[in-house]
Amino acid sequence: ALIYETAAGRFDHFAGDRDRALRLLRATIAKPGNDT
């Protein structure tokens, strides 16, 4: 949720909307080696 707030529009573009963006961020947080 905090990462999303730093660039909500960018994450919405990548994922499609806020809910999908938050799911994407939760998934990528768990994977080492990416920028989130």
PDB file of all heavy atoms in Angstrom:
ATOM      1  N   ALA A   1       0.832  -1.211   0.000  1.00  0.00           N
ATOM      2  CA  ALA A   1       0.000   0.000   0.000  1.00  0.00           C
ATOM      3  C   ALA A   1       0.865   1.258   0.000  1.00  0.00           C
ATOM      4  O   ALA A   1       0.560   2.234  -0.701  1.00  0.00           O
ATOM      5  CB  ALA A   1      -0.935  -0.009   1.201  1.00  0.00           C
ATOM      6  N   LEU A   2       1.957   1.244   0.752  1.00  0.00           N
ATOM      7  CA  LEU A   2       2.838   2.416   0.794  1.00  0.00           C
ATOM      8  C   LEU A   2       3.594   2.594  -0.524  1.00  0.00           C
ATOM      9  O   LEU A   2       3.736   3.720  -1.013  1.00  0.00           O
ATOM     10  CB  LEU A   2       3.804   2.313   1.971  1.00  0.00           C
ATOM     11  CG  LEU A   2       3.160   2.491   3.344  1.00  0.00           C
ATOM     12  CD1 LEU A   2       4.143   2.123   4.448  1.00  0.00           C
ATOM     13  CD2 LEU A   2       2.672   3.920   3.523  1.00  0.00           C
ATOM     14  N   ILE A   3       4.069   1.506  -1.105  1.00  0.00           N
ATOM     15  CA  ILE A   3       4.741   1.610  -2.408  1.00  0.00           C
ATOM     16  C   ILE A   3       3.763   2.122  -3.451  1.00  0.00           C
ATOM     17  O   ILE A   3       4.099   2.981  -4.267  1.00  0.00           O
ATOM     18  CB  ILE A   3       5.341   0.256  -2.835  1.00  0.00           C
ATOM     19  CG1 ILE A   3       6.512  -0.124  -1.924  1.00  0.00           C
ATOM     20  CG2 ILE A   3       5.810   0.304  -4.289  1.00  0.00           C
ATOM     21  CD1 ILE A   3       7.059  -1.523  -2.169  1.00  0.00           C
ATOM     22  N   TYR A   4       2.546   1.613  -3.424  1.00  0.00           N
ATOM     23  CA  TYR A   4       1.522   2.057  -4.379  1.00  0.00           C
ATOM     24  C   TYR A   4       1.335   3.571  -4.314  1.00  0.00           C
ATOM     25  O   TYR A   4       1.231   4.239  -5.350  1.00  0.00           O
ATOM     26  CB  TYR A   4       0.208   1.338  -4.099  1.00  0.00           C
ATOM     27  CG  TYR A   4      -0.925   1.779  -4.988  1.00  0.00           C
ATOM     28  CD1 TYR A   4      -1.052   1.266  -6.271  1.00  0.00           C
ATOM     29  CD2 TYR A   4      -1.852   2.719  -4.554  1.00  0.00           C
ATOM     30  CE1 TYR A   4      -2.077   1.678  -7.111  1.00  0.00           C
ATOM     31  CE2 TYR A   4      -2.880   3.141  -5.372  1.00  0.00           C
ATOM     32  CZ  TYR A   4      -2.991   2.620  -6.653  1.00  0.00           C
ATOM     33  OH  TYR A   4      -3.999   3.040  -7.483  1.00  0.00           O
ATOM     34  N   GLU A   5       1.308   4.125  -3.130  1.00  0.00           N
ATOM     35  CA  GLU A   5       1.093   5.567  -2.968  1.00  0.00           C
ATOM     36  C   GLU A   5       2.213   6.403  -3.590  1.00  0.00           C
ATOM     37  O   GLU A   5       1.999   7.570  -3.898  1.00  0.00           O
ATOM     38  CB  GLU A   5       0.926   5.922  -1.492  1.00  0.00           C
ATOM     39  CG  GLU A   5      -0.341   5.383  -0.872  1.00  0.00           C
ATOM     40  CD  GLU A   5      -1.598   5.882  -1.574  1.00  0.00           C
ATOM     41  OE1 GLU A   5      -1.654   7.066  -1.977  1.00  0.00           O
ATOM     42  OE2 GLU A   5      -2.531   5.081  -1.723  1.00  0.00           O
ATOM     43  N   THR A   6       3.394   5.834  -3.775  1.00  0.00           N
ATOM     44  CA  THR A   6       4.503   6.599  -4.355  1.00  0.00           C
ATOM     45  C   THR A   6       4.312   6.864  -5.843  1.00  0.00           C
ATOM     46  O   THR A   6       4.883   7.816  -6.365  1.00  0.00           O
ATOM     47  CB  THR A   6       5.857   5.893  -4.149  1.00  0.00           C
ATOM     48  OG1 THR A   6       5.893   4.684  -4.913  1.00  0.00           O
ATOM     49  CG2 THR A   6       6.103   5.615  -2.684  1.00  0.00           C
ATOM     50  N   ALA A   7       3.530   6.020  -6.516  1.00  0.00           N
ATOM     51  CA  ALA A   7       3.335   6.171  -7.967  1.00  0.00           C
ATOM     52  C   ALA A   7       2.071   5.430  -8.392  1.00  0.00           C
ATOM     53  O   ALA A   7       2.102   4.554  -9.252  1.00  0.00           O
ATOM     54  CB  ALA A   7       4.554   5.629  -8.718  1.00  0.00           C
ATOM     55  N   ALA A   8       0.954   5.802  -7.796  1.00  0.00           N
ATOM     56  CA  ALA A   8      -0.307   5.096  -8.035  1.00  0.00           C
ATOM     57  C   ALA A   8      -0.656   5.006  -9.510  1.00  0.00           C
ATOM     58  O   ALA A   8      -1.018   3.940 -10.009  1.00  0.00           O
ATOM     59  CB  ALA A   8      -1.436   5.766  -7.254  1.00  0.00           C
ATOM     60  N   GLY A   9      -0.540   6.099 -10.221  1.00  0.00           N
ATOM     61  CA  GLY A   9      -0.888   6.088 -11.641  1.00  0.00           C
ATOM     62  C   GLY A   9      -0.027   5.139 -12.446  1.00  0.00           C
ATOM     63  O   GLY A   9      -0.530   4.416 -13.314  1.00  0.00           O
ATOM     64  N   ARG A  10       1.252   5.109 -12.152  1.00  0.00           N
ATOM     65  CA  ARG A  10       2.160   4.208 -12.877  1.00  0.00           C
ATOM     66  C   ARG A  10       1.774   2.758 -12.606  1.00  0.00           C
ATOM     67  O   ARG A  10       1.693   1.947 -13.530  1.00  0.00           O
ATOM     68  CB  ARG A  10       3.600   4.456 -12.439  1.00  0.00           C
ATOM     69  CG  ARG A  10       4.591   3.507 -13.080  1.00  0.00           C
ATOM     70  CD  ARG A  10       6.022   3.843 -12.647  1.00  0.00           C
ATOM     71  NE  ARG A  10       6.951   2.912 -13.219  1.00  0.00           N
ATOM     72  CZ  ARG A  10       7.487   1.888 -12.565  1.00  0.00           C
ATOM     73  NH1 ARG A  10       7.187   1.691 -11.299  1.00  0.00           N
ATOM     74  NH2 ARG A  10       8.327   1.072 -13.141  1.00  0.00           N
ATOM     75  N   PHE A  11       1.531   2.423 -11.357  1.00  0.00           N
ATOM     76  CA  PHE A  11       1.170   1.047 -11.033  1.00  0.00           C
ATOM     77  C   PHE A  11      -0.187   0.678 -11.619  1.00  0.00           C
ATOM     78  O   PHE A  11      -0.385  -0.453 -12.059  1.00  0.00           O
ATOM     79  CB  PHE A  11       1.207   0.819  -9.521  1.00  0.00           C
ATOM     80  CG  PHE A  11       2.599   0.863  -8.956  1.00  0.00           C
ATOM     81  CD1 PHE A  11       2.940   1.796  -7.999  1.00  0.00           C
ATOM     82  CD2 PHE A  11       3.574  -0.019  -9.390  1.00  0.00           C
ATOM     83  CE1 PHE A  11       4.226   1.845  -7.474  1.00  0.00           C
ATOM     84  CE2 PHE A  11       4.864   0.015  -8.879  1.00  0.00           C
ATOM     85  CZ  PHE A  11       5.188   0.954  -7.918  1.00  0.00           C
ATOM     86  N   ASP A  12      -1.123   1.622 -11.673  1.00  0.00           N
ATOM     87  CA  ASP A  12      -2.418   1.358 -12.310  1.00  0.00           C
ATOM     88  C   ASP A  12      -2.233   1.049 -13.793  1.00  0.00           C
ATOM     89  O   ASP A  12      -2.885   0.162 -14.334  1.00  0.00           O
ATOM     90  CB  ASP A  12      -3.356   2.554 -12.156  1.00  0.00           C
ATOM     91  CG  ASP A  12      -3.894   2.706 -10.743  1.00  0.00           C
ATOM     92  OD1 ASP A  12      -3.680   1.795  -9.909  1.00  0.00           O
ATOM     93  OD2 ASP A  12      -4.509   3.748 -10.464  1.00  0.00           O
ATOM     94  N   HIS A  13      -1.333   1.772 -14.468  1.00  0.00           N
ATOM     95  CA  HIS A  13      -1.062   1.505 -15.884  1.00  0.00           C
ATOM     96  C   HIS A  13      -0.511   0.095 -16.072  1.00  0.00           C
ATOM     97  O   HIS A  13      -0.884  -0.604 -17.005  1.00  0.00           O
ATOM     98  CB  HIS A  13      -0.077   2.513 -16.471  1.00  0.00           C
ATOM     99  CG  HIS A  13      -0.694   3.828 -16.785  1.00  0.00           C
ATOM    100  ND1 HIS A  13      -1.724   3.986 -17.685  1.00  0.00           N
ATOM    101  CD2 HIS A  13      -0.420   5.060 -16.317  1.00  0.00           C
ATOM    102  CE1 HIS A  13      -2.068   5.251 -17.755  1.00  0.00           C
ATOM    103  NE2 HIS A  13      -1.288   5.930 -16.927  1.00  0.00           N
ATOM    104  N   PHE A  14       0.381  -0.306 -15.201  1.00  0.00           N
ATOM    105  CA  PHE A  14       0.977  -1.632 -15.326  1.00  0.00           C
ATOM    106  C   PHE A  14      -0.012  -2.741 -15.018  1.00  0.00           C
ATOM    107  O   PHE A  14      -0.027  -3.763 -15.686  1.00  0.00           O
ATOM    108  CB  PHE A  14       2.206  -1.771 -14.415  1.00  0.00           C
ATOM    109  CG  PHE A  14       3.461  -1.336 -15.075  1.00  0.00           C
ATOM    110  CD1 PHE A  14       3.963  -0.078 -14.834  1.00  0.00           C
ATOM    111  CD2 PHE A  14       4.133  -2.166 -15.949  1.00  0.00           C
ATOM    112  CE1 PHE A  14       5.121   0.350 -15.456  1.00  0.00           C
ATOM    113  CE2 PHE A  14       5.295  -1.750 -16.577  1.00  0.00           C
ATOM    114  CZ  PHE A  14       5.791  -0.489 -16.324  1.00  0.00           C
ATOM    115  N   ALA A  15      -0.831  -2.550 -14.014  1.00  0.00           N
ATOM    116  CA  ALA A  15      -1.687  -3.637 -13.550  1.00  0.00           C
ATOM    117  C   ALA A  15      -3.125  -3.548 -14.056  1.00  0.00           C
ATOM    118  O   ALA A  15      -3.811  -4.551 -14.124  1.00  0.00           O
ATOM    119  CB  ALA A  15      -1.684  -3.675 -12.029  1.00  0.00           C
ATOM    120  N   GLY A  16      -3.608  -2.369 -14.367  1.00  0.00           N
ATOM    121  CA  GLY A  16      -4.973  -2.218 -14.855  1.00  0.00           C
ATOM    122  C   GLY A  16      -5.855  -1.379 -13.955  1.00  0.00           C
ATOM    123  O   GLY A  16      -6.660  -0.601 -14.427  1.00  0.00           O
ATOM    124  N   ASP A  17      -5.713  -1.524 -12.655  1.00  0.00           N
ATOM    125  CA  ASP A  17      -6.460  -0.714 -11.695  1.00  0.00           C
ATOM    126  C   ASP A  17      -5.809  -0.870 -10.318  1.00  0.00           C
ATOM    127  O   ASP A  17      -4.832  -1.609 -10.164  1.00  0.00           O
ATOM    128  CB  ASP A  17      -7.947  -1.088 -11.659  1.00  0.00           C
ATOM    129  CG  ASP A  17      -8.219  -2.526 -11.258  1.00  0.00           C
ATOM    130  OD1 ASP A  17      -7.473  -3.094 -10.422  1.00  0.00           O
ATOM    131  OD2 ASP A  17      -9.187  -3.115 -11.764  1.00  0.00           O
ATOM    132  N   ARG A  18      -6.361  -0.180  -9.331  1.00  0.00           N
ATOM    133  CA  ARG A  18      -5.757  -0.159  -7.999  1.00  0.00           C
ATOM    134  C   ARG A  18      -5.676  -1.539  -7.364  1.00  0.00           C
ATOM    135  O   ARG A  18      -4.640  -1.931  -6.827  1.00  0.00           O
ATOM    136  CB  ARG A  18      -6.536   0.794  -7.087  1.00  0.00           C
ATOM    137  CG  ARG A  18      -5.933   0.926  -5.698  1.00  0.00           C
ATOM    138  CD  ARG A  18      -6.768   1.874  -4.819  1.00  0.00           C
ATOM    139  NE  ARG A  18      -6.085   2.207  -3.594  1.00  0.00           N
ATOM    140  CZ  ARG A  18      -6.033   1.397  -2.539  1.00  0.00           C
ATOM    141  NH1 ARG A  18      -6.643   0.225  -2.560  1.00  0.00           N
ATOM    142  NH2 ARG A  18      -5.376   1.774  -1.445  1.00  0.00           N
ATOM    143  N   ASP A  19      -6.770  -2.301  -7.398  1.00  0.00           N
ATOM    144  CA  ASP A  19      -6.773  -3.617  -6.757  1.00  0.00           C
ATOM    145  C   ASP A  19      -5.753  -4.552  -7.395  1.00  0.00           C
ATOM    146  O   ASP A  19      -5.023  -5.254  -6.701  1.00  0.00           O
ATOM    147  CB  ASP A  19      -8.165  -4.241  -6.801  1.00  0.00           C
ATOM    148  CG  ASP A  19      -9.144  -3.512  -5.899  1.00  0.00           C
ATOM    149  OD1 ASP A  19      -8.696  -2.864  -4.932  1.00  0.00           O
ATOM    150  OD2 ASP A  19     -10.359  -3.583  -6.169  1.00  0.00           O
ATOM    151  N   ARG A  20      -5.704  -4.556  -8.714  1.00  0.00           N
ATOM    152  CA  ARG A  20      -4.715  -5.396  -9.409  1.00  0.00           C
ATOM    153  C   ARG A  20      -3.301  -4.919  -9.111  1.00  0.00           C
ATOM    154  O   ARG A  20      -2.388  -5.725  -8.973  1.00  0.00           O
ATOM    155  CB  ARG A  20      -4.961  -5.371 -10.910  1.00  0.00           C
ATOM    156  CG  ARG A  20      -6.172  -6.132 -11.341  1.00  0.00           C
ATOM    157  CD  ARG A  20      -6.343  -6.028 -12.827  1.00  0.00           C
ATOM    158  NE  ARG A  20      -7.470  -6.795 -13.285  1.00  0.00           N
ATOM    159  CZ  ARG A  20      -7.925  -6.761 -14.518  1.00  0.00           C
ATOM    160  NH1 ARG A  20      -7.328  -6.007 -15.424  1.00  0.00           N
ATOM    161  NH2 ARG A  20      -8.963  -7.488 -14.855  1.00  0.00           N
ATOM    162  N   ALA A  21      -3.122  -3.611  -9.037  1.00  0.00           N
ATOM    163  CA  ALA A  21      -1.793  -3.065  -8.742  1.00  0.00           C
ATOM    164  C   ALA A  21      -1.329  -3.508  -7.359  1.00  0.00           C
ATOM    165  O   ALA A  21      -0.174  -3.893  -7.178  1.00  0.00           O
ATOM    166  CB  ALA A  21      -1.807  -1.547  -8.846  1.00  0.00           C
ATOM    167  N   LEU A  22      -2.218  -3.467  -6.388  1.00  0.00           N
ATOM    168  CA  LEU A  22      -1.847  -3.906  -5.037  1.00  0.00           C
ATOM    169  C   LEU A  22      -1.526  -5.398  -5.012  1.00  0.00           C
ATOM    170  O   LEU A  22      -0.582  -5.829  -4.340  1.00  0.00           O
ATOM    171  CB  LEU A  22      -2.946  -3.559  -4.042  1.00  0.00           C
ATOM    172  CG  LEU A  22      -3.084  -2.067  -3.744  1.00  0.00           C
ATOM    173  CD1 LEU A  22      -4.356  -1.791  -2.946  1.00  0.00           C
ATOM    174  CD2 LEU A  22      -1.861  -1.543  -3.019  1.00  0.00           C
ATOM    175  N   ARG A  23      -2.277  -6.203  -5.769  1.00  0.00           N
ATOM    176  CA  ARG A  23      -1.964  -7.636  -5.850  1.00  0.00           C
ATOM    177  C   ARG A  23      -0.609  -7.854  -6.513  1.00  0.00           C
ATOM    178  O   ARG A  23       0.192  -8.690  -6.073  1.00  0.00           O
ATOM    179  CB  ARG A  23      -3.058  -8.387  -6.609  1.00  0.00           C
ATOM    180  CG  ARG A  23      -4.314  -8.603  -5.790  1.00  0.00           C
ATOM    181  CD  ARG A  23      -5.240  -9.631  -6.407  1.00  0.00           C
ATOM    182  NE  ARG A  23      -5.664  -9.333  -7.754  1.00  0.00           N
ATOM    183  CZ  ARG A  23      -6.741  -8.610  -8.082  1.00  0.00           C
ATOM    184  NH1 ARG A  23      -7.509  -8.106  -7.128  1.00  0.00           N
ATOM    185  NH2 ARG A  23      -7.055  -8.403  -9.342  1.00  0.00           N
ATOM    186  N   LEU A  24      -0.339  -7.089  -7.586  1.00  0.00           N
ATOM    187  CA  LEU A  24       0.960  -7.185  -8.260  1.00  0.00           C
ATOM    188  C   LEU A  24       2.083  -6.824  -7.301  1.00  0.00           C
ATOM    189  O   LEU A  24       3.096  -7.530  -7.210  1.00  0.00           O
ATOM    190  CB  LEU A  24       0.983  -6.261  -9.484  1.00  0.00           C
ATOM    191  CG  LEU A  24       2.338  -6.058 -10.155  1.00  0.00           C
ATOM    192  CD1 LEU A  24       2.870  -7.369 -10.722  1.00  0.00           C
ATOM    193  CD2 LEU A  24       2.230  -4.997 -11.245  1.00  0.00           C
ATOM    194  N   LEU A  25       1.924  -5.747  -6.569  1.00  0.00           N
ATOM    195  CA  LEU A  25       2.962  -5.329  -5.628  1.00  0.00           C
ATOM    196  C   LEU A  25       3.180  -6.370  -4.532  1.00  0.00           C
ATOM    197  O   LEU A  25       4.324  -6.681  -4.180  1.00  0.00           O
ATOM    198  CB  LEU A  25       2.621  -3.968  -5.020  1.00  0.00           C
ATOM    199  CG  LEU A  25       2.807  -2.799  -5.976  1.00  0.00           C
ATOM    200  CD1 LEU A  25       2.145  -1.543  -5.426  1.00  0.00           C
ATOM    201  CD2 LEU A  25       4.287  -2.569  -6.247  1.00  0.00           C
ATOM    202  N   ARG A  26       2.101  -6.929  -4.006  1.00  0.00           N
ATOM    203  CA  ARG A  26       2.273  -7.965  -2.972  1.00  0.00           C
ATOM    204  C   ARG A  26       3.034  -9.163  -3.532  1.00  0.00           C
ATOM    205  O   ARG A  26       3.866  -9.759  -2.837  1.00  0.00           O
ATOM    206  CB  ARG A  26       0.926  -8.380  -2.401  1.00  0.00           C
ATOM    207  CG  ARG A  26       0.344  -7.332  -1.457  1.00  0.00           C
ATOM    208  CD  ARG A  26      -0.833  -7.853  -0.656  1.00  0.00           C
ATOM    209  NE  ARG A  26      -1.946  -8.289  -1.471  1.00  0.00           N
ATOM    210  CZ  ARG A  26      -2.976  -7.510  -1.839  1.00  0.00           C
ATOM    211  NH1 ARG A  26      -3.033  -6.242  -1.465  1.00  0.00           N
ATOM    212  NH2 ARG A  26      -3.945  -8.001  -2.570  1.00  0.00           N
ATOM    213  N   ALA A  27       2.782  -9.504  -4.795  1.00  0.00           N
ATOM    214  CA  ALA A  27       3.493 -10.634  -5.412  1.00  0.00           C
ATOM    215  C   ALA A  27       4.961 -10.299  -5.660  1.00  0.00           C
ATOM    216  O   ALA A  27       5.843 -11.119  -5.401  1.00  0.00           O
ATOM    217  CB  ALA A  27       2.816 -11.021  -6.725  1.00  0.00           C
ATOM    218  N   THR A  28       5.242  -9.090  -6.141  1.00  0.00           N
ATOM    219  CA  THR A  28       6.630  -8.752  -6.468  1.00  0.00           C
ATOM    220  C   THR A  28       7.455  -8.448  -5.226  1.00  0.00           C
ATOM    221  O   THR A  28       8.671  -8.639  -5.240  1.00  0.00           O
ATOM    222  CB  THR A  28       6.708  -7.577  -7.464  1.00  0.00           C
ATOM    223  OG1 THR A  28       6.035  -6.436  -6.921  1.00  0.00           O
ATOM    224  CG2 THR A  28       6.107  -7.956  -8.804  1.00  0.00           C
ATOM    225  N   ILE A  29       6.826  -8.021  -4.158  1.00  0.00           N
ATOM    226  CA  ILE A  29       7.547  -7.795  -2.901  1.00  0.00           C
ATOM    227  C   ILE A  29       8.195  -9.103  -2.445  1.00  0.00           C
ATOM    228  O   ILE A  29       9.309  -9.112  -1.934  1.00  0.00           O
ATOM    229  CB  ILE A  29       6.602  -7.240  -1.815  1.00  0.00           C
ATOM    230  CG1 ILE A  29       6.265  -5.785  -2.108  1.00  0.00           C
ATOM    231  CG2 ILE A  29       7.215  -7.376  -0.427  1.00  0.00           C
ATOM    232  CD1 ILE A  29       5.132  -5.238  -1.272  1.00  0.00           C
ATOM    233  N   ALA A  30       7.517 -10.207  -2.653  1.00  0.00           N
ATOM    234  CA  ALA A  30       8.013 -11.507  -2.207  1.00  0.00           C
ATOM    235  C   ALA A  30       9.113 -12.078  -3.108  1.00  0.00           C
ATOM    236  O   ALA A  30       9.768 -13.035  -2.721  1.00  0.00           O
ATOM    237  CB  ALA A  30       6.852 -12.491  -2.122  1.00  0.00           C
ATOM    238  N   LYS A  31       9.321 -11.488  -4.294  1.00  0.00           N
ATOM    239  CA  LYS A  31      10.324 -12.001  -5.229  1.00  0.00           C
ATOM    240  C   LYS A  31      11.580 -11.149  -5.172  1.00  0.00           C
ATOM    241  O   LYS A  31      11.558  -9.971  -5.526  1.00  0.00           O
ATOM    242  CB  LYS A  31       9.757 -11.999  -6.644  1.00  0.00           C
ATOM    243  CG  LYS A  31       8.642 -12.971  -6.800  1.00  0.00           C
ATOM    244  CD  LYS A  31       8.135 -13.020  -8.206  1.00  0.00           C
ATOM    245  CE  LYS A  31       7.143 -14.119  -8.248  1.00  0.00           C
ATOM    246  NZ  LYS A  31       6.094 -14.165  -9.011  1.00  0.00           N
ATOM    247  N   PRO A  32      12.699 -11.725  -4.753  1.00  0.00           N
ATOM    248  CA  PRO A  32      13.941 -10.949  -4.664  1.00  0.00           C
ATOM    249  C   PRO A  32      14.411 -10.445  -6.026  1.00  0.00           C
ATOM    250  O   PRO A  32      14.120 -11.046  -7.056  1.00  0.00           O
ATOM    251  CB  PRO A  32      14.958 -11.947  -4.095  1.00  0.00           C
ATOM    252  CG  PRO A  32      14.199 -13.134  -3.669  1.00  0.00           C
ATOM    253  CD  PRO A  32      12.866 -13.100  -4.330  1.00  0.00           C
ATOM    254  N   GLY A  33      15.105  -9.327  -5.998  1.00  0.00           N
ATOM    255  CA  GLY A  33      15.796  -8.853  -7.185  1.00  0.00           C
ATOM    256  C   GLY A  33      15.042  -7.912  -8.095  1.00  0.00           C
ATOM    257  O   GLY A  33      15.520  -7.577  -9.171  1.00  0.00           O
ATOM    258  N   ASN A  34      13.855  -7.450  -7.697  1.00  0.00           N
ATOM    259  CA  ASN A  34      13.171  -6.444  -8.515  1.00  0.00           C
ATOM    260  C   ASN A  34      13.095  -5.142  -7.717  1.00  0.00           C
ATOM    261  O   ASN A  34      13.478  -5.099  -6.556  1.00  0.00           O
ATOM    262  CB  ASN A  34      11.793  -6.931  -8.985  1.00  0.00           C
ATOM    263  CG  ASN A  34      10.771  -7.013  -7.882  1.00  0.00           C
ATOM    264  OD1 ASN A  34      10.218  -5.995  -7.462  1.00  0.00           O
ATOM    265  ND2 ASN A  34      10.527  -8.214  -7.375  1.00  0.00           N
ATOM    266  N   ASP A  35      12.628  -4.085  -8.351  1.00  0.00           N
ATOM    267  CA  ASP A  35      12.705  -2.777  -7.680  1.00  0.00           C
ATOM    268  C   ASP A  35      11.658  -2.561  -6.588  1.00  0.00           C
ATOM    269  O   ASP A  35      11.669  -1.541  -5.923  1.00  0.00           O
ATOM    270  CB  ASP A  35      12.719  -1.617  -8.673  1.00  0.00           C
ATOM    271  CG  ASP A  35      11.497  -1.533  -9.557  1.00  0.00           C
ATOM    272  OD1 ASP A  35      10.626  -2.419  -9.507  1.00  0.00           O
ATOM    273  OD2 ASP A  35      11.415  -0.564 -10.328  1.00  0.00           O
ATOM    274  N   THR A  36      10.776  -3.531  -6.367  1.00  0.00           N
ATOM    275  CA  THR A  36       9.825  -3.437  -5.257  1.00  0.00           C
ATOM    276  C   THR A  36      10.013  -4.570  -4.249  1.00  0.00           C
ATOM    277  O   THR A  36       9.206  -4.704  -3.333  1.00  0.00           O
ATOM    278  CB  THR A  36       8.364  -3.465  -5.768  1.00  0.00           C
ATOM    279  OG1 THR A  36       8.103  -4.733  -6.378  1.00  0.00           O
ATOM    280  CG2 THR A  36       8.088  -2.335  -6.728  1.00  0.00           C
TER     281      THR A  36
END
